[in-house]
């Protein structure tokens, strides 16, 4: 158990950090229009899956 605590667990933490860093840093290499946040205007109402099921059953 000591081997896991001393070597494997810290390695997993560092690997997760590196993967997250690469994922966030990848935005630098995206085209300018894809690096921006997604637009939120013009979206419709999002219904939960249960409401959609109820709408299809009522027809």
PDB file of N, CA and C in Angstrom:
ATOM      1  N   UNK A   1       0.817  -1.196   0.000  1.00  0.00           N
ATOM      2  CA  UNK A   1       0.000   0.000   0.000  1.00  0.00           C
ATOM      3  C   UNK A   1       0.864   1.264   0.000  1.00  0.00           C
ATOM      4  N   UNK A   2       2.046   1.166   0.599  1.00  0.00           N
ATOM      5  CA  UNK A   2       2.941   2.324   0.654  1.00  0.00           C
ATOM      6  C   UNK A   2       3.436   2.690  -0.737  1.00  0.00           C
ATOM      7  N   UNK A   3       3.636   1.686  -1.596  1.00  0.00           N
ATOM      8  CA  UNK A   3       4.090   1.963  -2.969  1.00  0.00           C
ATOM      9  C   UNK A   3       3.035   2.782  -3.711  1.00  0.00           C
ATOM     10  N   UNK A   4       1.758   2.426  -3.500  1.00  0.00           N
ATOM     11  CA  UNK A   4       0.676   3.176  -4.148  1.00  0.00           C
ATOM     12  C   UNK A   4       0.668   4.619  -3.675  1.00  0.00           C
ATOM     13  N   UNK A   5       0.795   4.831  -2.354  1.00  0.00           N
ATOM     14  CA  UNK A   5       0.751   6.184  -1.798  1.00  0.00           C
ATOM     15  C   UNK A   5       1.971   7.014  -2.184  1.00  0.00           C
ATOM     16  N   UNK A   6       3.110   6.390  -2.324  1.00  0.00           N
ATOM     17  CA  UNK A   6       4.333   7.142  -2.591  1.00  0.00           C
ATOM     18  C   UNK A   6       4.597   7.365  -4.069  1.00  0.00           C
ATOM     19  N   UNK A   7       4.189   6.428  -4.921  1.00  0.00           N
ATOM     20  CA  UNK A   7       4.570   6.513  -6.328  1.00  0.00           C
ATOM     21  C   UNK A   7       3.381   6.601  -7.287  1.00  0.00           C
ATOM     22  N   UNK A   8       2.412   5.729  -7.126  1.00  0.00           N
ATOM     23  CA  UNK A   8       1.340   5.629  -8.117  1.00  0.00           C
ATOM     24  C   UNK A   8       0.341   6.772  -7.983  1.00  0.00           C
ATOM     25  N   UNK A   9      -0.122   7.071  -6.775  1.00  0.00           N
ATOM     26  CA  UNK A   9      -1.100   8.144  -6.580  1.00  0.00           C
ATOM     27  C   UNK A   9      -0.559   9.508  -7.027  1.00  0.00           C
ATOM     28  N   UNK A  10       0.650   9.900  -6.635  1.00  0.00           N
ATOM     29  CA  UNK A  10       1.175  11.182  -7.127  1.00  0.00           C
ATOM     30  C   UNK A  10       1.343  11.207  -8.650  1.00  0.00           C
ATOM     31  N   UNK A  11       1.728  10.069  -9.227  1.00  0.00           N
ATOM     32  CA  UNK A  11       1.862  10.003 -10.678  1.00  0.00           C
ATOM     33  C   UNK A  11       0.512  10.211 -11.357  1.00  0.00           C
ATOM     34  N   UNK A  12      -0.542   9.601 -10.812  1.00  0.00           N
ATOM     35  CA  UNK A  12      -1.879   9.792 -11.374  1.00  0.00           C
ATOM     36  C   UNK A  12      -2.331  11.238 -11.259  1.00  0.00           C
ATOM     37  N   UNK A  13      -2.041  11.883 -10.148  1.00  0.00           N
ATOM     38  CA  UNK A  13      -2.406  13.293  -9.969  1.00  0.00           C
ATOM     39  C   UNK A  13      -1.683  14.164 -10.991  1.00  0.00           C
ATOM     40  N   UNK A  14      -0.411  13.924 -11.181  1.00  0.00           N
ATOM     41  CA  UNK A  14       0.365  14.700 -12.154  1.00  0.00           C
ATOM     42  C   UNK A  14      -0.137  14.443 -13.571  1.00  0.00           C
ATOM     43  N   UNK A  15      -0.474  13.207 -13.907  1.00  0.00           N
ATOM     44  CA  UNK A  15      -0.987  12.895 -15.240  1.00  0.00           C
ATOM     45  C   UNK A  15      -2.325  13.581 -15.506  1.00  0.00           C
ATOM     46  N   UNK A  16      -3.210  13.593 -14.512  1.00  0.00           N
ATOM     47  CA  UNK A  16      -4.496  14.286 -14.673  1.00  0.00           C
ATOM     48  C   UNK A  16      -4.262  15.779 -14.872  1.00  0.00           C
ATOM     49  N   UNK A  17      -3.343  16.356 -14.107  1.00  0.00           N
ATOM     50  CA  UNK A  17      -3.022  17.773 -14.263  1.00  0.00           C
ATOM     51  C   UNK A  17      -2.477  18.068 -15.656  1.00  0.00           C
ATOM     52  N   UNK A  18      -1.611  17.234 -16.163  1.00  0.00           N
ATOM     53  CA  UNK A  18      -1.028  17.449 -17.495  1.00  0.00           C
ATOM     54  C   UNK A  18      -2.095  17.326 -18.575  1.00  0.00           C
ATOM     55  N   UNK A  19      -2.986  16.352 -18.454  1.00  0.00           N
ATOM     56  CA  UNK A  19      -4.062  16.200 -19.440  1.00  0.00           C
ATOM     57  C   UNK A  19      -4.968  17.423 -19.419  1.00  0.00           C
ATOM     58  N   UNK A  20      -5.303  17.925 -18.234  1.00  0.00           N
ATOM     59  CA  UNK A  20      -6.140  19.122 -18.137  1.00  0.00           C
ATOM     60  C   UNK A  20      -5.420  20.338 -18.713  1.00  0.00           C
ATOM     61  N   UNK A  21      -4.145  20.463 -18.463  1.00  0.00           N
ATOM     62  CA  UNK A  21      -3.364  21.581 -18.988  1.00  0.00           C
ATOM     63  C   UNK A  21      -3.310  21.547 -20.507  1.00  0.00           C
ATOM     64  N   UNK A  22      -3.121  20.372 -21.082  1.00  0.00           N
ATOM     65  CA  UNK A  22      -3.090  20.237 -22.541  1.00  0.00           C
ATOM     66  C   UNK A  22      -4.461  20.570 -23.136  1.00  0.00           C
ATOM     67  N   UNK A  23      -5.533  20.104 -22.495  1.00  0.00           N
ATOM     68  CA  UNK A  23      -6.871  20.372 -23.006  1.00  0.00           C
ATOM     69  C   UNK A  23      -7.193  21.860 -22.990  1.00  0.00           C
ATOM     70  N   UNK A  24      -6.798  22.543 -21.942  1.00  0.00           N
ATOM     71  CA  UNK A  24      -7.065  23.983 -21.854  1.00  0.00           C
ATOM     72  C   UNK A  24      -6.149  24.746 -22.808  1.00  0.00           C
ATOM     73  N   UNK A  25      -4.913  24.324 -22.932  1.00  0.00           N
ATOM     74  CA  UNK A  25      -3.962  25.018 -23.795  1.00  0.00           C
ATOM     75  C   UNK A  25      -4.240  24.787 -25.274  1.00  0.00           C
ATOM     76  N   UNK A  26      -4.998  23.770 -25.615  1.00  0.00           N
ATOM     77  CA  UNK A  26      -5.293  23.485 -27.020  1.00  0.00           C
ATOM     78  C   UNK A  26      -6.094  24.600 -27.669  1.00  0.00           C
ATOM     79  N   UNK A  27      -6.758  25.426 -26.873  1.00  0.00           N
ATOM     80  CA  UNK A  27      -7.540  26.535 -27.438  1.00  0.00           C
ATOM     81  C   UNK A  27      -6.645  27.542 -28.165  1.00  0.00           C
ATOM     82  N   UNK A  28      -5.380  27.583 -27.833  1.00  0.00           N
ATOM     83  CA  UNK A  28      -4.457  28.512 -28.495  1.00  0.00           C
ATOM     84  C   UNK A  28      -4.356  28.187 -29.983  1.00  0.00           C
ATOM     85  N   UNK A  29      -4.423  26.908 -30.328  1.00  0.00           N
ATOM     86  CA  UNK A  29      -4.202  26.479 -31.702  1.00  0.00           C
ATOM     87  C   UNK A  29      -5.484  26.392 -32.516  1.00  0.00           C
ATOM     88  N   UNK A  30      -6.629  26.683 -31.912  1.00  0.00           N
ATOM     89  CA  UNK A  30      -7.892  26.665 -32.643  1.00  0.00           C
ATOM     90  C   UNK A  30      -8.039  27.938 -33.462  1.00  0.00           C
ATOM     91  N   UNK A  31      -8.806  27.899 -34.554  1.00  0.00           N
ATOM     92  CA  UNK A  31      -9.107  29.138 -35.263  1.00  0.00           C
ATOM     93  C   UNK A  31      -9.827  30.118 -34.337  1.00  0.00           C
ATOM     94  N   UNK A  32      -9.733  31.391 -34.635  1.00  0.00           N
ATOM     95  CA  UNK A  32     -10.261  32.431 -33.747  1.00  0.00           C
ATOM     96  C   UNK A  32     -11.750  32.261 -33.474  1.00  0.00           C
ATOM     97  N   UNK A  33     -12.533  31.858 -34.485  1.00  0.00           N
ATOM     98  CA  UNK A  33     -13.966  31.749 -34.254  1.00  0.00           C
ATOM     99  C   UNK A  33     -14.325  30.530 -33.415  1.00  0.00           C
ATOM    100  N   UNK A  34     -13.462  29.528 -33.349  1.00  0.00           N
ATOM    101  CA  UNK A  34     -13.749  28.351 -32.533  1.00  0.00           C
ATOM    102  C   UNK A  34     -13.218  28.509 -31.108  1.00  0.00           C
ATOM    103  N   UNK A  35     -12.275  29.402 -30.891  1.00  0.00           N
ATOM    104  CA  UNK A  35     -11.702  29.590 -29.566  1.00  0.00           C
ATOM    105  C   UNK A  35     -12.606  30.423 -28.675  1.00  0.00           C
ATOM    106  N   UNK A  36     -13.551  31.149 -29.265  1.00  0.00           N
ATOM    107  CA  UNK A  36     -14.464  31.978 -28.485  1.00  0.00           C
ATOM    108  C   UNK A  36     -15.510  31.100 -27.798  1.00  0.00           C
ATOM    109  N   UNK A  37     -16.094  31.602 -26.721  1.00  0.00           N
ATOM    110  CA  UNK A  37     -17.178  30.845 -26.089  1.00  0.00           C
ATOM    111  C   UNK A  37     -18.373  30.699 -27.030  1.00  0.00           C
ATOM    112  N   UNK A  38     -19.140  29.668 -26.841  1.00  0.00           N
ATOM    113  CA  UNK A  38     -20.308  29.424 -27.685  1.00  0.00           C
ATOM    114  C   UNK A  38     -21.358  30.504 -27.443  1.00  0.00           C
ATOM    115  N   UNK A  39     -22.027  30.952 -28.495  1.00  0.00           N
ATOM    116  CA  UNK A  39     -23.080  31.960 -28.298  1.00  0.00           C
ATOM    117  C   UNK A  39     -24.276  31.352 -27.572  1.00  0.00           C
ATOM    118  N   UNK A  40     -24.947  32.168 -26.759  1.00  0.00           N
ATOM    119  CA  UNK A  40     -26.096  31.663 -26.019  1.00  0.00           C
ATOM    120  C   UNK A  40     -27.407  32.278 -26.498  1.00  0.00           C
ATOM    121  N   UNK A  41     -27.368  33.341 -27.291  1.00  0.00           N
ATOM    122  CA  UNK A  41     -28.614  33.937 -27.763  1.00  0.00           C
ATOM    123  C   UNK A  41     -29.184  33.111 -28.907  1.00  0.00           C
ATOM    124  N   UNK A  42     -30.475  33.146 -29.036  1.00  0.00           N
ATOM    125  CA  UNK A  42     -31.135  32.438 -30.116  1.00  0.00           C
ATOM    126  C   UNK A  42     -31.376  30.972 -29.835  1.00  0.00           C
ATOM    127  N   UNK A  43     -31.213  30.558 -28.599  1.00  0.00           N
ATOM    128  CA  UNK A  43     -31.467  29.163 -28.283  1.00  0.00           C
ATOM    129  C   UNK A  43     -32.922  28.991 -27.885  1.00  0.00           C
ATOM    130  N   UNK A  44     -33.447  27.824 -28.144  1.00  0.00           N
ATOM    131  CA  UNK A  44     -34.824  27.535 -27.786  1.00  0.00           C
ATOM    132  C   UNK A  44     -34.935  27.020 -26.370  1.00  0.00           C
ATOM    133  N   UNK A  45     -36.115  26.645 -26.001  1.00  0.00           N
ATOM    134  CA  UNK A  45     -36.344  26.096 -24.667  1.00  0.00           C
ATOM    135  C   UNK A  45     -35.896  24.646 -24.662  1.00  0.00           C
ATOM    136  N   UNK A  46     -35.142  24.290 -23.655  1.00  0.00           N
ATOM    137  CA  UNK A  46     -34.660  22.913 -23.541  1.00  0.00           C
ATOM    138  C   UNK A  46     -35.592  22.177 -22.574  1.00  0.00           C
ATOM    139  N   UNK A  47     -36.220  21.150 -23.089  1.00  0.00           N
ATOM    140  CA  UNK A  47     -37.125  20.359 -22.267  1.00  0.00           C
ATOM    141  C   UNK A  47     -36.398  19.139 -21.733  1.00  0.00           C
ATOM    142  N   UNK A  48     -36.694  18.743 -20.507  1.00  0.00           N
ATOM    143  CA  UNK A  48     -36.095  17.493 -20.016  1.00  0.00           C
ATOM    144  C   UNK A  48     -36.647  16.305 -20.786  1.00  0.00           C
ATOM    145  N   UNK A  49     -35.936  15.208 -20.740  1.00  0.00           N
ATOM    146  CA  UNK A  49     -36.324  14.021 -21.508  1.00  0.00           C
ATOM    147  C   UNK A  49     -37.701  13.515 -21.094  1.00  0.00           C
ATOM    148  N   UNK A  50     -38.073  13.673 -19.836  1.00  0.00           N
ATOM    149  CA  UNK A  50     -39.388  13.203 -19.394  1.00  0.00           C
ATOM    150  C   UNK A  50     -40.495  14.021 -20.035  1.00  0.00           C
ATOM    151  N   UNK A  51     -40.278  15.323 -20.226  1.00  0.00           N
ATOM    152  CA  UNK A  51     -41.294  16.158 -20.856  1.00  0.00           C
ATOM    153  C   UNK A  51     -41.445  15.780 -22.320  1.00  0.00           C
ATOM    154  N   UNK A  52     -40.367  15.432 -22.978  1.00  0.00           N
ATOM    155  CA  UNK A  52     -40.441  15.029 -24.379  1.00  0.00           C
ATOM    156  C   UNK A  52     -41.197  13.710 -24.492  1.00  0.00           C
ATOM    157  N   UNK A  53     -40.950  12.795 -23.566  1.00  0.00           N
ATOM    158  CA  UNK A  53     -41.671  11.521 -23.570  1.00  0.00           C
ATOM    159  C   UNK A  53     -43.162  11.738 -23.351  1.00  0.00           C
ATOM    160  N   UNK A  54     -43.500  12.656 -22.456  1.00  0.00           N
ATOM    161  CA  UNK A  54     -44.909  12.921 -22.191  1.00  0.00           C
ATOM    162  C   UNK A  54     -45.586  13.558 -23.408  1.00  0.00           C
ATOM    163  N   UNK A  55     -44.849  14.414 -24.118  1.00  0.00           N
ATOM    164  CA  UNK A  55     -45.423  15.050 -25.309  1.00  0.00           C
ATOM    165  C   UNK A  55     -45.667  14.038 -26.406  1.00  0.00           C
ATOM    166  N   UNK A  56     -44.768  13.084 -26.573  1.00  0.00           N
ATOM    167  CA  UNK A  56     -44.954  12.095 -27.638  1.00  0.00           C
ATOM    168  C   UNK A  56     -46.028  11.080 -27.273  1.00  0.00           C
ATOM    169  N   UNK A  57     -46.216  10.825 -25.993  1.00  0.00           N
ATOM    170  CA  UNK A  57     -47.238   9.867 -25.578  1.00  0.00           C
ATOM    171  C   UNK A  57     -48.653  10.451 -25.669  1.00  0.00           C
ATOM    172  N   UNK A  58     -48.755  11.774 -25.548  1.00  0.00           N
ATOM    173  CA  UNK A  58     -50.079  12.383 -25.545  1.00  0.00           C
ATOM    174  C   UNK A  58     -50.682  12.481 -26.947  1.00  0.00           C
ATOM    175  N   UNK A  59     -49.915  12.238 -27.977  1.00  0.00           N
ATOM    176  CA  UNK A  59     -50.422  12.340 -29.355  1.00  0.00           C
ATOM    177  C   UNK A  59     -51.095  11.085 -29.801  1.00  0.00           C
TER     178      UNK A  59
END
